[in-house]
Structure formats: structure tokens, C-alpha cells
Amino acid sequence: MQKPEQKSQPGEGDQPCPQPFLCPLSHVHTGVAVRIKQLSTSPEVTHRLREMGFCEEQKIKLLSRQTNLICQVCNARLGISTRLAEKIMVEPLSRQKVA
């Protein structure tokens, strides 16, 4: 009997973003530090993300992925939806501490 093919969830089982390529924040593994490179959202949402600290060149760390993604940004923990995280393009950082 053949097993049904299982699809992995983003960030689970798939490889982290290969440097120097960009990928959506929603595809990053828990515990990985990344640098935001591009916000592909409407001007209003982009403005709000920047107010919260999700701005270009900002280093962040993905802490948890449950219903929402919890990120460490500027010494604060912020939650965003997976749908919004798909529009935040990031690049992986070498293994270094994120402030």
C-alpha cells in the first residue's frame, strides 16, 4: 500500500533560505535570525510595519510559529499573521546573536 504524500508546512522540513537569496519570513525556521530586505505590502501596512520595527535592514529572530509568528524585534516580541509574513522578504544571517 502506497503512503500518501505529505506536504511540509513552511518552515518545517524545508531548507532555510539559501544565501544570498531572499525568502518570505513565513518560510524561516523557528530560532533563526534574519535581516529584513523588502516589505511587499500596501503603503499603509508598510508604514505600520516600520512603526513597529519591521523595517528594511532590521535584524529579527523568529521565536515561535503557532497560529501567528512571534518575532523578536528591537528587544520586543511582536506577533504577525502568516499571511503578512509572506510579504516580508528576508535574508538569513550567519549564526550571531540578535539584539
N, C-alpha and C. Protein backbone atom coordinates (compact mmCIF):
# COMPACT_ATOMS: atom_id res chain seq x y z
N MET A 1 0.84 -1.18 0.00
CA MET A 1 0.00 0.00 0.00
C MET A 1 0.88 1.24 0.00
N GLN A 2 0.58 2.17 -0.86
CA GLN A 2 1.41 3.36 -1.01
C GLN A 2 0.98 4.42 -0.01
N LYS A 3 1.96 5.07 0.63
CA LYS A 3 1.66 6.12 1.60
C LYS A 3 1.30 7.40 0.86
N PRO A 4 0.32 8.16 1.37
CA PRO A 4 0.01 9.44 0.74
C PRO A 4 1.16 10.40 0.96
N GLU A 5 1.40 11.21 -0.04
CA GLU A 5 2.49 12.17 0.04
C GLU A 5 2.13 13.27 1.03
N GLN A 6 3.04 13.55 1.95
CA GLN A 6 2.79 14.59 2.94
C GLN A 6 3.47 15.88 2.51
N LYS A 7 2.71 16.96 2.60
CA LYS A 7 3.27 18.26 2.29
C LYS A 7 3.78 18.87 3.59
N SER A 8 4.97 19.42 3.55
CA SER A 8 5.50 20.04 4.75
C SER A 8 4.98 21.47 4.86
N GLN A 9 4.83 21.91 6.09
CA GLN A 9 4.42 23.28 6.33
C GLN A 9 5.61 24.19 6.09
N PRO A 10 5.39 25.46 5.69
CA PRO A 10 6.51 26.37 5.53
C PRO A 10 7.32 26.44 6.81
N GLY A 11 8.62 26.38 6.68
CA GLY A 11 9.49 26.44 7.83
C GLY A 11 9.72 25.09 8.49
N GLU A 12 9.01 24.06 8.06
CA GLU A 12 9.17 22.73 8.64
C GLU A 12 9.69 21.78 7.57
N GLY A 13 10.90 21.31 7.74
CA GLY A 13 11.44 20.33 6.83
C GLY A 13 12.08 20.92 5.58
N ASP A 14 11.64 22.11 5.17
CA ASP A 14 12.26 22.70 4.01
C ASP A 14 13.54 23.40 4.44
N GLN A 15 14.41 23.64 3.50
CA GLN A 15 15.69 24.26 3.81
C GLN A 15 15.50 25.73 4.12
N PRO A 16 16.31 26.29 5.04
CA PRO A 16 16.25 27.73 5.26
C PRO A 16 16.70 28.44 4.01
N CYS A 17 16.44 29.72 3.93
CA CYS A 17 16.78 30.49 2.74
C CYS A 17 18.25 30.31 2.40
N PRO A 18 18.56 29.84 1.19
CA PRO A 18 19.97 29.73 0.82
C PRO A 18 20.55 31.10 0.53
N GLN A 19 21.66 31.42 1.20
CA GLN A 19 22.28 32.73 0.94
C GLN A 19 22.75 32.80 -0.48
N PRO A 20 22.79 33.91 -1.14
CA PRO A 20 22.31 35.22 -0.69
C PRO A 20 20.87 35.47 -1.10
N PHE A 21 20.09 34.45 -1.36
CA PHE A 21 18.73 34.61 -1.85
C PHE A 21 17.78 35.05 -0.75
N LEU A 22 16.72 35.71 -1.16
CA LEU A 22 15.69 36.16 -0.25
C LEU A 22 14.55 35.15 -0.20
N CYS A 23 13.85 35.13 0.91
CA CYS A 23 12.65 34.30 1.02
C CYS A 23 11.69 35.01 1.96
N PRO A 24 10.42 34.61 1.95
CA PRO A 24 9.46 35.22 2.86
C PRO A 24 9.75 34.83 4.30
N LEU A 25 9.44 35.71 5.22
CA LEU A 25 9.62 35.44 6.64
C LEU A 25 8.83 34.20 7.06
N SER A 26 7.73 33.93 6.39
CA SER A 26 6.90 32.78 6.73
C SER A 26 7.60 31.44 6.44
N HIS A 27 8.71 31.45 5.71
CA HIS A 27 9.44 30.21 5.39
C HIS A 27 10.65 29.99 6.28
N VAL A 28 10.88 30.87 7.24
CA VAL A 28 12.05 30.79 8.11
C VAL A 28 11.78 29.81 9.25
N HIS A 29 12.79 29.06 9.64
CA HIS A 29 12.68 28.12 10.75
C HIS A 29 12.67 28.88 12.08
N THR A 30 11.99 28.32 13.06
CA THR A 30 11.97 28.88 14.41
C THR A 30 13.39 28.95 14.95
N GLY A 31 13.72 30.07 15.58
CA GLY A 31 15.05 30.25 16.17
C GLY A 31 16.07 30.86 15.25
N VAL A 32 15.70 31.11 13.99
CA VAL A 32 16.64 31.64 13.01
C VAL A 32 16.60 33.17 12.99
N ALA A 33 17.79 33.77 12.95
CA ALA A 33 17.91 35.22 12.84
C ALA A 33 18.01 35.60 11.36
N VAL A 34 17.30 36.65 10.99
CA VAL A 34 17.27 37.11 9.61
C VAL A 34 17.34 38.64 9.57
N ARG A 35 17.59 39.17 8.39
CA ARG A 35 17.57 40.61 8.17
C ARG A 35 16.47 40.91 7.16
N ILE A 36 15.61 41.86 7.49
CA ILE A 36 14.54 42.25 6.58
C ILE A 36 15.15 43.01 5.40
N LYS A 37 14.76 42.61 4.19
CA LYS A 37 15.29 43.26 2.99
C LYS A 37 14.21 44.00 2.20
N GLN A 38 12.96 43.54 2.28
CA GLN A 38 11.92 44.18 1.48
C GLN A 38 10.55 43.93 2.11
N LEU A 39 9.72 44.98 2.10
CA LEU A 39 8.34 44.87 2.56
C LEU A 39 7.45 45.00 1.33
N SER A 40 6.75 43.95 0.98
CA SER A 40 5.92 43.93 -0.23
C SER A 40 4.45 44.06 0.15
N THR A 41 4.13 45.12 0.86
CA THR A 41 2.78 45.36 1.33
C THR A 41 2.29 46.70 0.83
N SER A 42 1.03 47.01 1.10
CA SER A 42 0.48 48.31 0.70
C SER A 42 1.22 49.41 1.47
N PRO A 43 1.19 50.64 0.98
CA PRO A 43 1.88 51.74 1.67
C PRO A 43 1.43 51.90 3.13
N GLU A 44 0.15 51.70 3.41
CA GLU A 44 -0.36 51.85 4.78
C GLU A 44 0.21 50.77 5.69
N VAL A 45 0.22 49.53 5.21
CA VAL A 45 0.74 48.42 6.01
C VAL A 45 2.25 48.55 6.17
N THR A 46 2.93 48.94 5.10
CA THR A 46 4.39 49.15 5.17
C THR A 46 4.72 50.20 6.23
N HIS A 47 3.97 51.29 6.24
CA HIS A 47 4.19 52.36 7.23
C HIS A 47 4.00 51.82 8.65
N ARG A 48 2.95 51.03 8.86
CA ARG A 48 2.68 50.48 10.19
C ARG A 48 3.75 49.48 10.60
N LEU A 49 4.20 48.62 9.68
CA LEU A 49 5.28 47.68 9.99
C LEU A 49 6.55 48.42 10.41
N ARG A 50 6.87 49.49 9.69
CA ARG A 50 8.07 50.27 10.04
C ARG A 50 7.92 50.91 11.41
N GLU A 51 6.73 51.38 11.75
CA GLU A 51 6.49 51.95 13.08
C GLU A 51 6.74 50.91 14.18
N MET A 52 6.41 49.65 13.90
CA MET A 52 6.59 48.57 14.88
C MET A 52 8.02 48.04 14.92
N GLY A 53 8.86 48.45 13.98
CA GLY A 53 10.25 47.99 13.97
C GLY A 53 10.58 47.04 12.85
N PHE A 54 9.57 46.61 12.07
CA PHE A 54 9.81 45.72 10.93
C PHE A 54 10.20 46.59 9.74
N CYS A 55 11.44 47.08 9.72
CA CYS A 55 11.88 47.92 8.62
C CYS A 55 13.09 47.29 7.92
N GLU A 56 13.37 47.77 6.73
CA GLU A 56 14.46 47.23 5.93
C GLU A 56 15.78 47.33 6.72
N GLU A 57 16.57 46.28 6.60
CA GLU A 57 17.88 46.13 7.25
C GLU A 57 17.78 45.83 8.74
N GLN A 58 16.59 45.73 9.30
CA GLN A 58 16.43 45.38 10.71
C GLN A 58 16.68 43.89 10.90
N LYS A 59 17.44 43.55 11.93
CA LYS A 59 17.66 42.15 12.28
C LYS A 59 16.55 41.71 13.21
N ILE A 60 15.96 40.54 12.91
CA ILE A 60 14.91 39.99 13.75
C ILE A 60 15.16 38.49 13.93
N LYS A 61 14.46 37.92 14.89
CA LYS A 61 14.58 36.48 15.13
C LYS A 61 13.18 35.91 15.26
N LEU A 62 12.93 34.81 14.57
CA LEU A 62 11.64 34.13 14.67
C LEU A 62 11.66 33.27 15.92
N LEU A 63 10.76 33.57 16.87
CA LEU A 63 10.74 32.87 18.15
C LEU A 63 9.75 31.71 18.17
N SER A 64 8.62 31.88 17.50
CA SER A 64 7.57 30.87 17.57
C SER A 64 6.71 30.95 16.32
N ARG A 65 6.14 29.81 15.94
CA ARG A 65 5.21 29.77 14.81
C ARG A 65 4.04 28.87 15.21
N GLN A 66 3.01 29.51 15.69
CA GLN A 66 1.78 28.80 16.02
C GLN A 66 0.72 29.30 15.03
N THR A 67 -0.36 29.85 15.54
CA THR A 67 -1.35 30.46 14.66
C THR A 67 -0.74 31.69 14.00
N ASN A 68 0.03 32.45 14.77
CA ASN A 68 0.76 33.61 14.28
C ASN A 68 2.25 33.38 14.47
N LEU A 69 3.06 34.24 13.84
CA LEU A 69 4.50 34.16 14.02
C LEU A 69 4.90 35.20 15.07
N ILE A 70 5.69 34.78 16.04
CA ILE A 70 6.18 35.68 17.08
C ILE A 70 7.64 35.95 16.76
N CYS A 71 7.97 37.24 16.63
CA CYS A 71 9.33 37.65 16.28
C CYS A 71 9.90 38.55 17.36
N GLN A 72 11.21 38.44 17.55
CA GLN A 72 11.90 39.37 18.42
C GLN A 72 12.40 40.50 17.55
N VAL A 73 11.91 41.71 17.82
CA VAL A 73 12.25 42.90 17.04
C VAL A 73 12.60 44.00 18.02
N CYS A 74 13.82 44.50 17.97
CA CYS A 74 14.23 45.61 18.84
C CYS A 74 13.92 45.33 20.31
N ASN A 75 14.28 44.16 20.80
CA ASN A 75 14.07 43.75 22.19
C ASN A 75 12.60 43.66 22.58
N ALA A 76 11.72 43.54 21.62
CA ALA A 76 10.29 43.35 21.89
C ALA A 76 9.82 42.12 21.12
N ARG A 77 8.79 41.48 21.64
CA ARG A 77 8.19 40.34 20.94
C ARG A 77 6.92 40.82 20.27
N LEU A 78 6.85 40.62 18.96
CA LEU A 78 5.70 41.06 18.19
C LEU A 78 5.14 39.89 17.42
N GLY A 79 3.81 39.82 17.33
CA GLY A 79 3.15 38.76 16.58
C GLY A 79 2.57 39.30 15.29
N ILE A 80 2.76 38.55 14.21
CA ILE A 80 2.15 38.89 12.92
C ILE A 80 1.55 37.63 12.32
N SER A 81 0.62 37.81 11.42
CA SER A 81 -0.01 36.66 10.78
C SER A 81 0.94 36.02 9.78
N THR A 82 0.71 34.76 9.50
CA THR A 82 1.50 34.05 8.47
C THR A 82 1.30 34.72 7.12
N ARG A 83 0.08 35.16 6.86
CA ARG A 83 -0.22 35.84 5.59
C ARG A 83 0.61 37.11 5.42
N LEU A 84 0.74 37.89 6.49
CA LEU A 84 1.56 39.11 6.42
C LEU A 84 3.04 38.74 6.32
N ALA A 85 3.47 37.69 7.03
CA ALA A 85 4.87 37.26 6.99
C ALA A 85 5.30 36.83 5.59
N GLU A 86 4.34 36.39 4.78
CA GLU A 86 4.66 36.01 3.39
C GLU A 86 5.09 37.22 2.56
N LYS A 87 4.74 38.41 3.00
CA LYS A 87 5.06 39.63 2.24
C LYS A 87 6.29 40.35 2.76
N ILE A 88 6.94 39.77 3.77
CA ILE A 88 8.17 40.34 4.32
C ILE A 88 9.33 39.48 3.84
N MET A 89 10.14 40.03 2.95
CA MET A 89 11.26 39.28 2.38
C MET A 89 12.50 39.48 3.26
N VAL A 90 13.15 38.37 3.57
CA VAL A 90 14.30 38.40 4.48
C VAL A 90 15.48 37.64 3.88
N GLU A 91 16.64 37.90 4.43
CA GLU A 91 17.83 37.12 4.09
C GLU A 91 18.37 36.54 5.40
N PRO A 92 18.91 35.33 5.35
CA PRO A 92 19.43 34.72 6.58
C PRO A 92 20.72 35.40 7.02
N LEU A 93 20.94 35.37 8.31
CA LEU A 93 22.19 35.89 8.89
C LEU A 93 23.04 34.71 9.30
N SER A 94 24.33 34.94 9.39
CA SER A 94 25.19 33.90 9.94
C SER A 94 24.81 33.76 11.41
N ARG A 95 25.19 32.68 12.03
CA ARG A 95 24.79 32.42 13.42
C ARG A 95 25.40 33.49 14.33
N GLN A 96 24.61 34.51 14.61
CA GLN A 96 25.05 35.54 15.52
C GLN A 96 23.86 36.01 16.33
N LYS A 97 24.15 36.57 17.48
CA LYS A 97 23.10 37.00 18.39
C LYS A 97 22.38 38.22 17.83
N VAL A 98 21.07 38.22 17.92
CA VAL A 98 20.28 39.37 17.50
C VAL A 98 19.89 40.16 18.73
N ALA A 99 20.20 41.45 18.73
CA ALA A 99 19.91 42.31 19.90
C ALA A 99 18.45 42.61 20.01
